[in-house]
PDB file of N, CA and C in Angstrom:
ATOM      1  N   MET A   1     -13.667  -1.257  -7.046  1.00  0.00           N
ATOM      2  CA  MET A   1     -12.201  -0.297  -6.141  1.00  0.00           C
ATOM      3  C   MET A   1     -10.726  -0.748  -6.877  1.00  0.00           C
ATOM      4  N   ARG A   2     -10.382   0.972  -6.787  1.00  0.00           N
ATOM      5  CA  ARG A   2      -9.518   1.239  -7.701  1.00  0.00           C
ATOM      6  C   ARG A   2      -7.973   1.309  -6.899  1.00  0.00           C
ATOM      7  N   VAL A   3      -6.913   0.011  -6.723  1.00  0.00           N
ATOM      8  CA  VAL A   3      -5.832  -0.164  -5.748  1.00  0.00           C
ATOM      9  C   VAL A   3      -4.268   0.442  -6.507  1.00  0.00           C
ATOM     10  N   LEU A   4      -3.568   0.985  -5.362  1.00  0.00           N
ATOM     11  CA  LEU A   4      -2.755   0.996  -5.773  1.00  0.00           C
ATOM     12  C   LEU A   4      -1.336   0.121  -5.500  1.00  0.00           C
ATOM     13  N   VAL A   5      -0.220  -0.621  -5.697  1.00  0.00           N
ATOM     14  CA  VAL A   5       0.794  -1.369  -5.263  1.00  0.00           C
ATOM     15  C   VAL A   5       1.518  -0.744  -5.004  1.00  0.00           C
ATOM     16  N   ALA A   6       2.820  -0.760  -4.460  1.00  0.00           N
ATOM     17  CA  ALA A   6       3.695   0.697  -3.877  1.00  0.00           C
ATOM     18  C   ALA A   6       4.809  -0.294  -2.588  1.00  0.00           C
ATOM     19  N   ASP A   7       5.619  -1.239  -3.950  1.00  0.00           N
ATOM     20  CA  ASP A   7       7.109  -2.554  -2.631  1.00  0.00           C
ATOM     21  C   ASP A   7       7.842  -2.248  -3.351  1.00  0.00           C
ATOM     22  N   ASP A   8       9.145  -1.977  -3.015  1.00  0.00           N
ATOM     23  CA  ASP A   8      10.074  -1.684  -3.903  1.00  0.00           C
ATOM     24  C   ASP A   8      11.305  -3.291  -4.785  1.00  0.00           C
ATOM     25  N   HIS A   9       9.861  -4.374  -4.178  1.00  0.00           N
ATOM     26  CA  HIS A   9      10.802  -5.346  -4.218  1.00  0.00           C
ATOM     27  C   HIS A   9       9.390  -5.861  -6.143  1.00  0.00           C
ATOM     28  N   GLU A  10       9.765  -6.088  -6.455  1.00  0.00           N
ATOM     29  CA  GLU A  10       9.166  -6.822  -8.141  1.00  0.00           C
ATOM     30  C   GLU A  10       8.106  -7.994  -8.029  1.00  0.00           C
ATOM     31  N   MET A  11       8.638  -8.520  -7.333  1.00  0.00           N
ATOM     32  CA  MET A  11       8.323 -10.335  -6.701  1.00  0.00           C
ATOM     33  C   MET A  11       7.125  -9.836  -6.236  1.00  0.00           C
ATOM     34  N   ILE A  12       6.842  -8.915  -4.836  1.00  0.00           N
ATOM     35  CA  ILE A  12       5.939  -8.682  -4.202  1.00  0.00           C
ATOM     36  C   ILE A  12       5.263  -8.139  -4.638  1.00  0.00           C
ATOM     37  N   ARG A  13       4.923  -7.002  -5.339  1.00  0.00           N
ATOM     38  CA  ARG A  13       4.006  -6.386  -6.382  1.00  0.00           C
ATOM     39  C   ARG A  13       3.299  -7.319  -6.712  1.00  0.00           C
ATOM     40  N   GLU A  14       4.449  -7.850  -8.007  1.00  0.00           N
ATOM     41  CA  GLU A  14       4.109  -9.127  -8.311  1.00  0.00           C
ATOM     42  C   GLU A  14       2.272 -10.342  -7.921  1.00  0.00           C
ATOM     43  N   ALA A  15       2.790 -11.136  -6.696  1.00  0.00           N
ATOM     44  CA  ALA A  15       2.179 -11.524  -6.373  1.00  0.00           C
ATOM     45  C   ALA A  15       1.377 -10.356  -5.557  1.00  0.00           C
ATOM     46  N   VAL A  16       1.112  -9.355  -5.176  1.00  0.00           N
ATOM     47  CA  VAL A  16       0.114  -8.733  -4.797  1.00  0.00           C
ATOM     48  C   VAL A  16      -1.248  -8.239  -5.276  1.00  0.00           C
ATOM     49  N   LYS A  17      -0.222  -7.743  -6.583  1.00  0.00           N
ATOM     50  CA  LYS A  17      -1.883  -7.600  -8.136  1.00  0.00           C
ATOM     51  C   LYS A  17      -2.056  -9.126  -8.471  1.00  0.00           C
ATOM     52  N   ALA A  18      -1.515  -9.922  -8.372  1.00  0.00           N
ATOM     53  CA  ALA A  18      -1.492 -11.543  -8.279  1.00  0.00           C
ATOM     54  C   ALA A  18      -3.442 -11.922  -7.197  1.00  0.00           C
ATOM     55  N   ILE A  19      -2.818 -11.605  -6.177  1.00  0.00           N
ATOM     56  CA  ILE A  19      -3.848 -11.373  -4.670  1.00  0.00           C
ATOM     57  C   ILE A  19      -4.939 -11.118  -5.497  1.00  0.00           C
ATOM     58  N   LEU A  20      -5.257  -9.676  -6.000  1.00  0.00           N
ATOM     59  CA  LEU A  20      -5.947  -9.466  -5.766  1.00  0.00           C
ATOM     60  C   LEU A  20      -7.000  -8.658  -7.103  1.00  0.00           C
ATOM     61  N   ALA A  21      -6.230  -9.489  -8.275  1.00  0.00           N
ATOM     62  CA  ALA A  21      -6.625  -9.510 -10.087  1.00  0.00           C
ATOM     63  C   ALA A  21      -7.551 -10.900  -9.718  1.00  0.00           C
ATOM     64  N   GLY A  22      -8.172 -11.343  -8.334  1.00  0.00           N
ATOM     65  CA  GLY A  22      -9.058 -12.187  -8.846  1.00  0.00           C
ATOM     66  C   GLY A  22      -9.937 -12.268  -7.741  1.00  0.00           C
ATOM     67  N   GLU A  23     -10.054 -11.319  -7.794  1.00  0.00           N
ATOM     68  CA  GLU A  23     -11.208 -10.493  -6.340  1.00  0.00           C
ATOM     69  C   GLU A  23     -11.574  -9.216  -7.148  1.00  0.00           C
ATOM     70  N   SER A  24     -13.418 -10.045  -7.346  1.00  0.00           N
ATOM     71  CA  SER A  24     -14.398  -9.292  -8.562  1.00  0.00           C
ATOM     72  C   SER A  24     -14.230  -8.034  -8.127  1.00  0.00           C
ATOM     73  N   GLY A  25     -14.619  -6.688  -8.764  1.00  0.00           N
ATOM     74  CA  GLY A  25     -14.646  -5.548  -8.554  1.00  0.00           C
ATOM     75  C   GLY A  25     -13.042  -4.616  -8.488  1.00  0.00           C
ATOM     76  N   ILE A  26     -12.093  -5.782  -8.555  1.00  0.00           N
ATOM     77  CA  ILE A  26     -10.845  -5.197  -8.170  1.00  0.00           C
ATOM     78  C   ILE A  26      -9.833  -4.369  -8.835  1.00  0.00           C
ATOM     79  N   GLU A  27      -9.359  -3.708  -9.077  1.00  0.00           N
ATOM     80  CA  GLU A  27      -8.786  -3.268 -10.044  1.00  0.00           C
ATOM     81  C   GLU A  27      -7.717  -2.967 -10.296  1.00  0.00           C
ATOM     82  N   ILE A  28      -6.365  -3.309 -10.487  1.00  0.00           N
ATOM     83  CA  ILE A  28      -5.212  -2.747 -10.861  1.00  0.00           C
ATOM     84  C   ILE A  28      -5.179  -1.200 -10.950  1.00  0.00           C
ATOM     85  N   VAL A  29      -4.815  -0.415 -10.146  1.00  0.00           N
ATOM     86  CA  VAL A  29      -4.371   1.115 -11.604  1.00  0.00           C
ATOM     87  C   VAL A  29      -3.169   1.775 -11.621  1.00  0.00           C
ATOM     88  N   GLY A  30      -2.289   0.787 -10.561  1.00  0.00           N
ATOM     89  CA  GLY A  30      -1.035   1.527 -10.571  1.00  0.00           C
ATOM     90  C   GLY A  30      -0.217   0.638  -9.710  1.00  0.00           C
ATOM     91  N   GLU A  31       1.272   0.995 -10.169  1.00  0.00           N
ATOM     92  CA  GLU A  31       2.134   0.415  -8.958  1.00  0.00           C
ATOM     93  C   GLU A  31       3.263   0.919  -8.862  1.00  0.00           C
ATOM     94  N   ALA A  32       4.232   1.206  -8.208  1.00  0.00           N
ATOM     95  CA  ALA A  32       5.373   2.196  -7.308  1.00  0.00           C
ATOM     96  C   ALA A  32       6.335   1.034  -7.039  1.00  0.00           C
ATOM     97  N   ARG A  33       7.437   1.599  -7.488  1.00  0.00           N
ATOM     98  CA  ARG A  33       8.490   1.146  -6.477  1.00  0.00           C
ATOM     99  C   ARG A  33       9.794   1.833  -5.245  1.00  0.00           C
ATOM    100  N   ASP A  34       9.094   3.015  -5.480  1.00  0.00           N
ATOM    101  CA  ASP A  34       9.815   3.939  -4.650  1.00  0.00           C
ATOM    102  C   ASP A  34       8.157   4.691  -3.415  1.00  0.00           C
ATOM    103  N   GLY A  35       9.392   5.535  -2.755  1.00  0.00           N
ATOM    104  CA  GLY A  35       8.286   5.965  -2.051  1.00  0.00           C
ATOM    105  C   GLY A  35       7.741   7.416  -3.335  1.00  0.00           C
ATOM    106  N   PRO A  36       8.836   8.531  -3.470  1.00  0.00           N
ATOM    107  CA  PRO A  36       8.021   9.473  -3.863  1.00  0.00           C
ATOM    108  C   PRO A  36       7.193   9.084  -5.205  1.00  0.00           C
ATOM    109  N   SER A  37       7.003   7.870  -5.831  1.00  0.00           N
ATOM    110  CA  SER A  37       6.354   7.268  -7.545  1.00  0.00           C
ATOM    111  C   SER A  37       4.845   7.093  -6.286  1.00  0.00           C
ATOM    112  N   ALA A  38       5.761   6.089  -4.891  1.00  0.00           N
ATOM    113  CA  ALA A  38       4.089   6.192  -4.570  1.00  0.00           C
ATOM    114  C   ALA A  38       2.923   7.014  -4.811  1.00  0.00           C
ATOM    115  N   LEU A  39       3.838   8.290  -3.441  1.00  0.00           N
ATOM    116  CA  LEU A  39       3.091   9.402  -3.646  1.00  0.00           C
ATOM    117  C   LEU A  39       2.400  10.505  -4.956  1.00  0.00           C
ATOM    118  N   ARG A  40       3.370  10.638  -6.423  1.00  0.00           N
ATOM    119  CA  ARG A  40       2.867  10.794  -6.695  1.00  0.00           C
ATOM    120  C   ARG A  40       1.633   9.857  -8.169  1.00  0.00           C
ATOM    121  N   LEU A  41       1.808   8.649  -7.734  1.00  0.00           N
ATOM    122  CA  LEU A  41       0.676   7.868  -8.006  1.00  0.00           C
ATOM    123  C   LEU A  41      -0.864   7.915  -7.767  1.00  0.00           C
ATOM    124  N   ALA A  42      -0.413   8.043  -6.373  1.00  0.00           N
ATOM    125  CA  ALA A  42      -1.807   8.018  -5.183  1.00  0.00           C
ATOM    126  C   ALA A  42      -1.940   9.640  -5.586  1.00  0.00           C
ATOM    127  N   ARG A  43      -1.186  10.899  -5.795  1.00  0.00           N
ATOM    128  CA  ARG A  43      -1.837  11.670  -5.970  1.00  0.00           C
ATOM    129  C   ARG A  43      -2.689  11.611  -7.695  1.00  0.00           C
ATOM    130  N   GLU A  44      -2.087  11.734  -8.295  1.00  0.00           N
ATOM    131  CA  GLU A  44      -2.093  11.259 -10.089  1.00  0.00           C
ATOM    132  C   GLU A  44      -4.566  10.782  -9.818  1.00  0.00           C
ATOM    133  N   LEU A  45      -3.882   9.218  -9.490  1.00  0.00           N
ATOM    134  CA  LEU A  45      -4.837   8.303 -10.166  1.00  0.00           C
ATOM    135  C   LEU A  45      -6.241   8.435  -8.688  1.00  0.00           C
ATOM    136  N   VAL A  46      -5.799   8.576  -7.551  1.00  0.00           N
ATOM    137  CA  VAL A  46      -6.404   9.262  -6.368  1.00  0.00           C
ATOM    138  C   VAL A  46      -7.675   6.882  -6.097  1.00  0.00           C
ATOM    139  N   PRO A  47      -6.328   6.676  -6.248  1.00  0.00           N
ATOM    140  CA  PRO A  47      -7.371   5.292  -5.780  1.00  0.00           C
ATOM    141  C   PRO A  47      -7.865   5.533  -4.808  1.00  0.00           C
ATOM    142  N   ASP A  48      -9.078   3.940  -4.901  1.00  0.00           N
ATOM    143  CA  ASP A  48      -9.477   3.564  -3.857  1.00  0.00           C
ATOM    144  C   ASP A  48      -8.536   3.559  -2.670  1.00  0.00           C
ATOM    145  N   ALA A  49      -7.895   2.495  -2.188  1.00  0.00           N
ATOM    146  CA  ALA A  49      -7.069   1.653  -1.518  1.00  0.00           C
ATOM    147  C   ALA A  49      -4.943   2.031  -2.332  1.00  0.00           C
ATOM    148  N   ILE A  50      -4.501   2.013  -1.130  1.00  0.00           N
ATOM    149  CA  ILE A  50      -3.140   2.141  -1.749  1.00  0.00           C
ATOM    150  C   ILE A  50      -2.837   0.846  -0.726  1.00  0.00           C
ATOM    151  N   VAL A  51      -1.956  -0.258  -1.341  1.00  0.00           N
ATOM    152  CA  VAL A  51      -1.298  -1.514  -0.921  1.00  0.00           C
ATOM    153  C   VAL A  51       0.285  -1.070  -0.445  1.00  0.00           C
ATOM    154  N   LEU A  52       1.149  -0.434   0.819  1.00  0.00           N
ATOM    155  CA  LEU A  52       1.889   0.322   1.409  1.00  0.00           C
ATOM    156  C   LEU A  52       3.045  -0.432   2.087  1.00  0.00           C
ATOM    157  N   ASP A  53       4.293  -1.118   1.050  1.00  0.00           N
ATOM    158  CA  ASP A  53       5.318  -1.726   1.832  1.00  0.00           C
ATOM    159  C   ASP A  53       6.028  -0.220   2.525  1.00  0.00           C
ATOM    160  N   ASN A  54       6.275  -0.220   3.781  1.00  0.00           N
ATOM    161  CA  ASN A  54       6.860   0.268   4.860  1.00  0.00           C
ATOM    162  C   ASN A  54       8.691   1.432   4.337  1.00  0.00           C
ATOM    163  N   ARG A  55       9.241  -0.373   4.048  1.00  0.00           N
ATOM    164  CA  ARG A  55      10.364   0.526   3.431  1.00  0.00           C
ATOM    165  C   ARG A  55      10.206  -0.001   2.285  1.00  0.00           C
ATOM    166  N   MET A  56      10.692   1.601   1.695  1.00  0.00           N
ATOM    167  CA  MET A  56      11.180   1.831  -0.004  1.00  0.00           C
ATOM    168  C   MET A  56      11.944   3.091   0.746  1.00  0.00           C
ATOM    169  N   PRO A  57      12.893   3.263  -0.812  1.00  0.00           N
ATOM    170  CA  PRO A  57      14.171   3.952  -1.194  1.00  0.00           C
ATOM    171  C   PRO A  57      12.856   5.511  -1.138  1.00  0.00           C
ATOM    172  N   GLY A  58      14.294   6.082  -1.230  1.00  0.00           N
ATOM    173  CA  GLY A  58      13.257   7.841  -1.150  1.00  0.00           C
ATOM    174  C   GLY A  58      12.370   8.305  -0.456  1.00  0.00           C
ATOM    175  N   LEU A  59      11.319   7.725   0.154  1.00  0.00           N
ATOM    176  CA  LEU A  59      10.539   8.382   1.439  1.00  0.00           C
ATOM    177  C   LEU A  59       9.671   6.796   2.032  1.00  0.00           C
ATOM    178  N   SER A  60       9.831   6.033   2.966  1.00  0.00           N
ATOM    179  CA  SER A  60       9.259   5.363   3.669  1.00  0.00           C
ATOM    180  C   SER A  60       7.638   5.402   3.407  1.00  0.00           C
ATOM    181  N   GLY A  61       6.820   4.081   3.869  1.00  0.00           N
ATOM    182  CA  GLY A  61       5.501   3.846   3.097  1.00  0.00           C
ATOM    183  C   GLY A  61       5.072   4.649   4.761  1.00  0.00           C
ATOM    184  N   LEU A  62       5.726   5.094   5.781  1.00  0.00           N
ATOM    185  CA  LEU A  62       5.377   5.881   7.232  1.00  0.00           C
ATOM    186  C   LEU A  62       4.704   7.538   7.023  1.00  0.00           C
ATOM    187  N   ASP A  63       6.021   7.605   5.798  1.00  0.00           N
ATOM    188  CA  ASP A  63       6.090   9.257   5.244  1.00  0.00           C
ATOM    189  C   ASP A  63       4.829   9.552   4.702  1.00  0.00           C
ATOM    190  N   VAL A  64       4.980   8.125   3.296  1.00  0.00           N
ATOM    191  CA  VAL A  64       3.876   8.293   2.251  1.00  0.00           C
ATOM    192  C   VAL A  64       2.516   8.243   2.699  1.00  0.00           C
ATOM    193  N   ALA A  65       2.366   7.359   3.890  1.00  0.00           N
ATOM    194  CA  ALA A  65       1.157   7.480   3.983  1.00  0.00           C
ATOM    195  C   ALA A  65       0.680   8.804   5.247  1.00  0.00           C
ATOM    196  N   ARG A  66       1.553   9.381   6.187  1.00  0.00           N
ATOM    197  CA  ARG A  66       1.066  10.838   6.343  1.00  0.00           C
ATOM    198  C   ARG A  66       0.219  11.735   5.013  1.00  0.00           C
ATOM    199  N   ARG A  67       1.770  11.172   4.293  1.00  0.00           N
ATOM    200  CA  ARG A  67       0.590  12.457   3.335  1.00  0.00           C
ATOM    201  C   ARG A  67      -0.658  11.712   1.943  1.00  0.00           C
ATOM    202  N   ILE A  68      -0.640  10.920   2.600  1.00  0.00           N
ATOM    203  CA  ILE A  68      -1.520  10.589   1.718  1.00  0.00           C
ATOM    204  C   ILE A  68      -3.208  10.853   2.508  1.00  0.00           C
ATOM    205  N   SER A  69      -3.224  10.256   3.780  1.00  0.00           N
ATOM    206  CA  SER A  69      -4.344  10.491   4.796  1.00  0.00           C
ATOM    207  C   SER A  69      -4.467  11.654   4.800  1.00  0.00           C
ATOM    208  N   LYS A  70      -3.292  12.941   5.008  1.00  0.00           N
ATOM    209  CA  LYS A  70      -3.709  14.042   5.138  1.00  0.00           C
ATOM    210  C   LYS A  70      -4.605  14.788   3.770  1.00  0.00           C
ATOM    211  N   GLU A  71      -3.759  14.757   2.402  1.00  0.00           N
ATOM    212  CA  GLU A  71      -4.068  14.805   0.683  1.00  0.00           C
ATOM    213  C   GLU A  71      -6.252  14.102   0.738  1.00  0.00           C
ATOM    214  N   LEU A  72      -5.220  12.263   0.544  1.00  0.00           N
ATOM    215  CA  LEU A  72      -7.083  11.779  -0.122  1.00  0.00           C
ATOM    216  C   LEU A  72      -7.491  11.223   1.025  1.00  0.00           C
ATOM    217  N   PRO A  73      -8.026  11.462   2.453  1.00  0.00           N
ATOM    218  CA  PRO A  73      -8.350  11.062   3.441  1.00  0.00           C
ATOM    219  C   PRO A  73      -9.542   9.720   3.102  1.00  0.00           C
ATOM    220  N   ASN A  74      -9.964   9.769   2.020  1.00  0.00           N
ATOM    221  CA  ASN A  74     -10.680   9.070   0.938  1.00  0.00           C
ATOM    222  C   ASN A  74     -10.244   7.440   0.483  1.00  0.00           C
ATOM    223  N   THR A  75      -9.213   7.722   0.806  1.00  0.00           N
ATOM    224  CA  THR A  75      -7.922   6.426   0.088  1.00  0.00           C
ATOM    225  C   THR A  75      -7.732   5.500   1.435  1.00  0.00           C
ATOM    226  N   SER A  76      -8.395   4.465   1.340  1.00  0.00           N
ATOM    227  CA  SER A  76      -8.011   3.481   2.330  1.00  0.00           C
ATOM    228  C   SER A  76      -5.833   2.788   2.257  1.00  0.00           C
ATOM    229  N   ILE A  77      -5.323   3.030   3.161  1.00  0.00           N
ATOM    230  CA  ILE A  77      -4.336   2.550   3.075  1.00  0.00           C
ATOM    231  C   ILE A  77      -4.092   1.093   4.373  1.00  0.00           C
ATOM    232  N   VAL A  78      -2.857   0.180   2.967  1.00  0.00           N
ATOM    233  CA  VAL A  78      -3.210  -1.249   3.716  1.00  0.00           C
ATOM    234  C   VAL A  78      -1.378  -1.066   3.921  1.00  0.00           C
ATOM    235  N   PHE A  79      -0.797  -1.173   5.148  1.00  0.00           N
ATOM    236  CA  PHE A  79       0.344  -1.691   4.670  1.00  0.00           C
ATOM    237  C   PHE A  79       0.609  -3.169   5.021  1.00  0.00           C
ATOM    238  N   LEU A  80       2.118  -2.883   4.185  1.00  0.00           N
ATOM    239  CA  LEU A  80       1.974  -4.532   3.999  1.00  0.00           C
ATOM    240  C   LEU A  80       3.867  -4.671   4.135  1.00  0.00           C
ATOM    241  N   THR A  81       4.241  -5.676   5.521  1.00  0.00           N
ATOM    242  CA  THR A  81       5.256  -4.885   6.276  1.00  0.00           C
ATOM    243  C   THR A  81       6.119  -6.741   6.928  1.00  0.00           C
ATOM    244  N   LEU A  82       7.405  -6.777   7.532  1.00  0.00           N
ATOM    245  CA  LEU A  82       7.580  -8.364   7.658  1.00  0.00           C
ATOM    246  C   LEU A  82       8.047  -7.368   9.064  1.00  0.00           C
ATOM    247  N   ASP A  83       7.985  -5.920   9.360  1.00  0.00           N
ATOM    248  CA  ASP A  83       8.153  -5.761  10.868  1.00  0.00           C
ATOM    249  C   ASP A  83       6.746  -5.643  11.605  1.00  0.00           C
ATOM    250  N   SER A  84       6.823  -6.837  12.485  1.00  0.00           N
ATOM    251  CA  SER A  84       5.465  -6.935  13.615  1.00  0.00           C
ATOM    252  C   SER A  84       5.422  -5.607  14.417  1.00  0.00           C
ATOM    253  N   ARG A  85       6.412  -4.986  14.416  1.00  0.00           N
ATOM    254  CA  ARG A  85       6.282  -4.116  15.837  1.00  0.00           C
ATOM    255  C   ARG A  85       6.206  -2.422  14.801  1.00  0.00           C
ATOM    256  N   ILE A  86       5.803  -2.555  13.406  1.00  0.00           N
ATOM    257  CA  ILE A  86       5.007  -1.446  13.117  1.00  0.00           C
ATOM    258  C   ILE A  86       4.031  -0.273  13.235  1.00  0.00           C
ATOM    259  N   GLU A  87       2.894  -1.879  12.862  1.00  0.00           N
ATOM    260  CA  GLU A  87       1.443  -1.701  13.952  1.00  0.00           C
ATOM    261  C   GLU A  87       0.955  -0.290  14.204  1.00  0.00           C
ATOM    262  N   GLU A  88       1.678   0.150  15.388  1.00  0.00           N
ATOM    263  CA  GLU A  88       1.584   1.699  16.253  1.00  0.00           C
ATOM    264  C   GLU A  88       1.908   2.671  15.387  1.00  0.00           C
ATOM    265  N   LEU A  89       2.914   2.667  14.652  1.00  0.00           N
ATOM    266  CA  LEU A  89       3.314   3.576  13.777  1.00  0.00           C
ATOM    267  C   LEU A  89       2.519   4.233  12.800  1.00  0.00           C
ATOM    268  N   ALA A  90       1.938   2.383  11.832  1.00  0.00           N
ATOM    269  CA  ALA A  90       1.878   2.623  10.803  1.00  0.00           C
ATOM    270  C   ALA A  90      -0.008   3.588  10.751  1.00  0.00           C
ATOM    271  N   ARG A  91      -0.746   2.733  12.392  1.00  0.00           N
ATOM    272  CA  ARG A  91      -1.674   3.053  12.019  1.00  0.00           C
ATOM    273  C   ARG A  91      -1.813   4.605  12.795  1.00  0.00           C
ATOM    274  N   ALA A  92      -0.516   4.992  12.777  1.00  0.00           N
ATOM    275  CA  ALA A  92      -0.747   6.778  13.954  1.00  0.00           C
ATOM    276  C   ALA A  92      -0.816   7.673  12.134  1.00  0.00           C
ATOM    277  N   ALA A  93      -0.231   6.798  11.294  1.00  0.00           N
ATOM    278  CA  ALA A  93       0.604   6.933  10.130  1.00  0.00           C
ATOM    279  C   ALA A  93      -0.682   7.701   9.414  1.00  0.00           C
ATOM    280  N   GLY A  94      -1.693   6.851   9.841  1.00  0.00           N
ATOM    281  CA  GLY A  94      -3.076   7.240   8.635  1.00  0.00           C
ATOM    282  C   GLY A  94      -3.907   5.687   8.332  1.00  0.00           C
ATOM    283  N   ALA A  95      -2.750   4.470   9.016  1.00  0.00           N
ATOM    284  CA  ALA A  95      -3.515   3.631   7.729  1.00  0.00           C
ATOM    285  C   ALA A  95      -4.706   2.463   8.507  1.00  0.00           C
ATOM    286  N   ASP A  96      -5.096   1.897   7.955  1.00  0.00           N
ATOM    287  CA  ASP A  96      -6.312   1.002   8.521  1.00  0.00           C
ATOM    288  C   ASP A  96      -6.248  -0.240   8.120  1.00  0.00           C
ATOM    289  N   ALA A  97      -4.805  -1.082   7.513  1.00  0.00           N
ATOM    290  CA  ALA A  97      -5.181  -2.433   7.992  1.00  0.00           C
ATOM    291  C   ALA A  97      -3.862  -2.457   7.926  1.00  0.00           C
ATOM    292  N   VAL A  98      -3.102  -3.349   8.669  1.00  0.00           N
ATOM    293  CA  VAL A  98      -1.479  -3.180   8.333  1.00  0.00           C
ATOM    294  C   VAL A  98      -1.930  -5.648   8.540  1.00  0.00           C
ATOM    295  N   VAL A  99      -1.025  -5.654   7.363  1.00  0.00           N
ATOM    296  CA  VAL A  99      -0.315  -7.204   7.147  1.00  0.00           C
ATOM    297  C   VAL A  99       0.900  -7.485   7.074  1.00  0.00           C
ATOM    298  N   MET A 100       1.033  -8.892   7.806  1.00  0.00           N
ATOM    299  CA  MET A 100       2.332  -9.012   7.094  1.00  0.00           C
ATOM    300  C   MET A 100       2.818  -9.926   6.034  1.00  0.00           C
ATOM    301  N   LYS A 101       3.529  -9.735   5.477  1.00  0.00           N
ATOM    302  CA  LYS A 101       4.355 -10.414   3.533  1.00  0.00           C
ATOM    303  C   LYS A 101       4.325 -11.757   5.144  1.00  0.00           C
ATOM    304  N   ASP A 102       3.839 -12.153   5.764  1.00  0.00           N
ATOM    305  CA  ASP A 102       4.515 -13.663   6.007  1.00  0.00           C
ATOM    306  C   ASP A 102       2.560 -14.212   6.076  1.00  0.00           C
ATOM    307  N   ALA A 103       1.821 -13.158   6.322  1.00  0.00           N
ATOM    308  CA  ALA A 103       0.197 -13.869   6.462  1.00  0.00           C
ATOM    309  C   ALA A 103       0.268 -14.890   5.385  1.00  0.00           C
ATOM    310  N   PRO A 104      -1.026 -15.110   5.347  1.00  0.00           N
ATOM    311  CA  PRO A 104      -2.307 -15.897   4.654  1.00  0.00           C
ATOM    312  C   PRO A 104      -2.332 -14.423   3.746  1.00  0.00           C
ATOM    313  N   ALA A 105      -2.807 -15.118   2.246  1.00  0.00           N
ATOM    314  CA  ALA A 105      -2.985 -13.953   1.292  1.00  0.00           C
ATOM    315  C   ALA A 105      -4.362 -13.474   1.308  1.00  0.00           C
ATOM    316  N   GLY A 106      -5.368 -14.392   1.484  1.00  0.00           N
ATOM    317  CA  GLY A 106      -6.503 -14.038   2.307  1.00  0.00           C
ATOM    318  C   GLY A 106      -6.712 -13.048   3.106  1.00  0.00           C
ATOM    319  N   GLU A 107      -5.514 -12.207   3.899  1.00  0.00           N
ATOM    320  CA  GLU A 107      -5.761 -11.326   5.213  1.00  0.00           C
ATOM    321  C   GLU A 107      -5.205 -10.080   4.331  1.00  0.00           C
ATOM    322  N   LEU A 108      -4.936 -10.352   2.823  1.00  0.00           N
ATOM    323  CA  LEU A 108      -5.151  -9.419   1.778  1.00  0.00           C
ATOM    324  C   LEU A 108      -6.371  -8.214   1.507  1.00  0.00           C
ATOM    325  N   LEU A 109      -7.143  -9.210   1.022  1.00  0.00           N
ATOM    326  CA  LEU A 109      -9.053  -9.184   0.816  1.00  0.00           C
ATOM    327  C   LEU A 109      -9.360  -8.737   2.027  1.00  0.00           C
TER     328      LEU A 109
END
């Protein structure tokens, strides 16, 4: 599975990459630190999945998810957030899953 990681915090991106890198069959194909970069890389790389933060500069994760779900319907979207109230909005925007940033690492898998 080819995965794109998008979060404006480098520490979070590195942690997500470390969690996913330990799994067989997962390849990190790119990372983005803002919404416009996440959208551009998703279009260029056409990943199987994108791990997406909600709050990023330029475009919110919700905006990115809406566009990706329309343009790349085969790309799974996993929202990674601190805001427990975002789940309904994230799913309406096209997210396949919502994982809280304070959840155990295994929930990301």
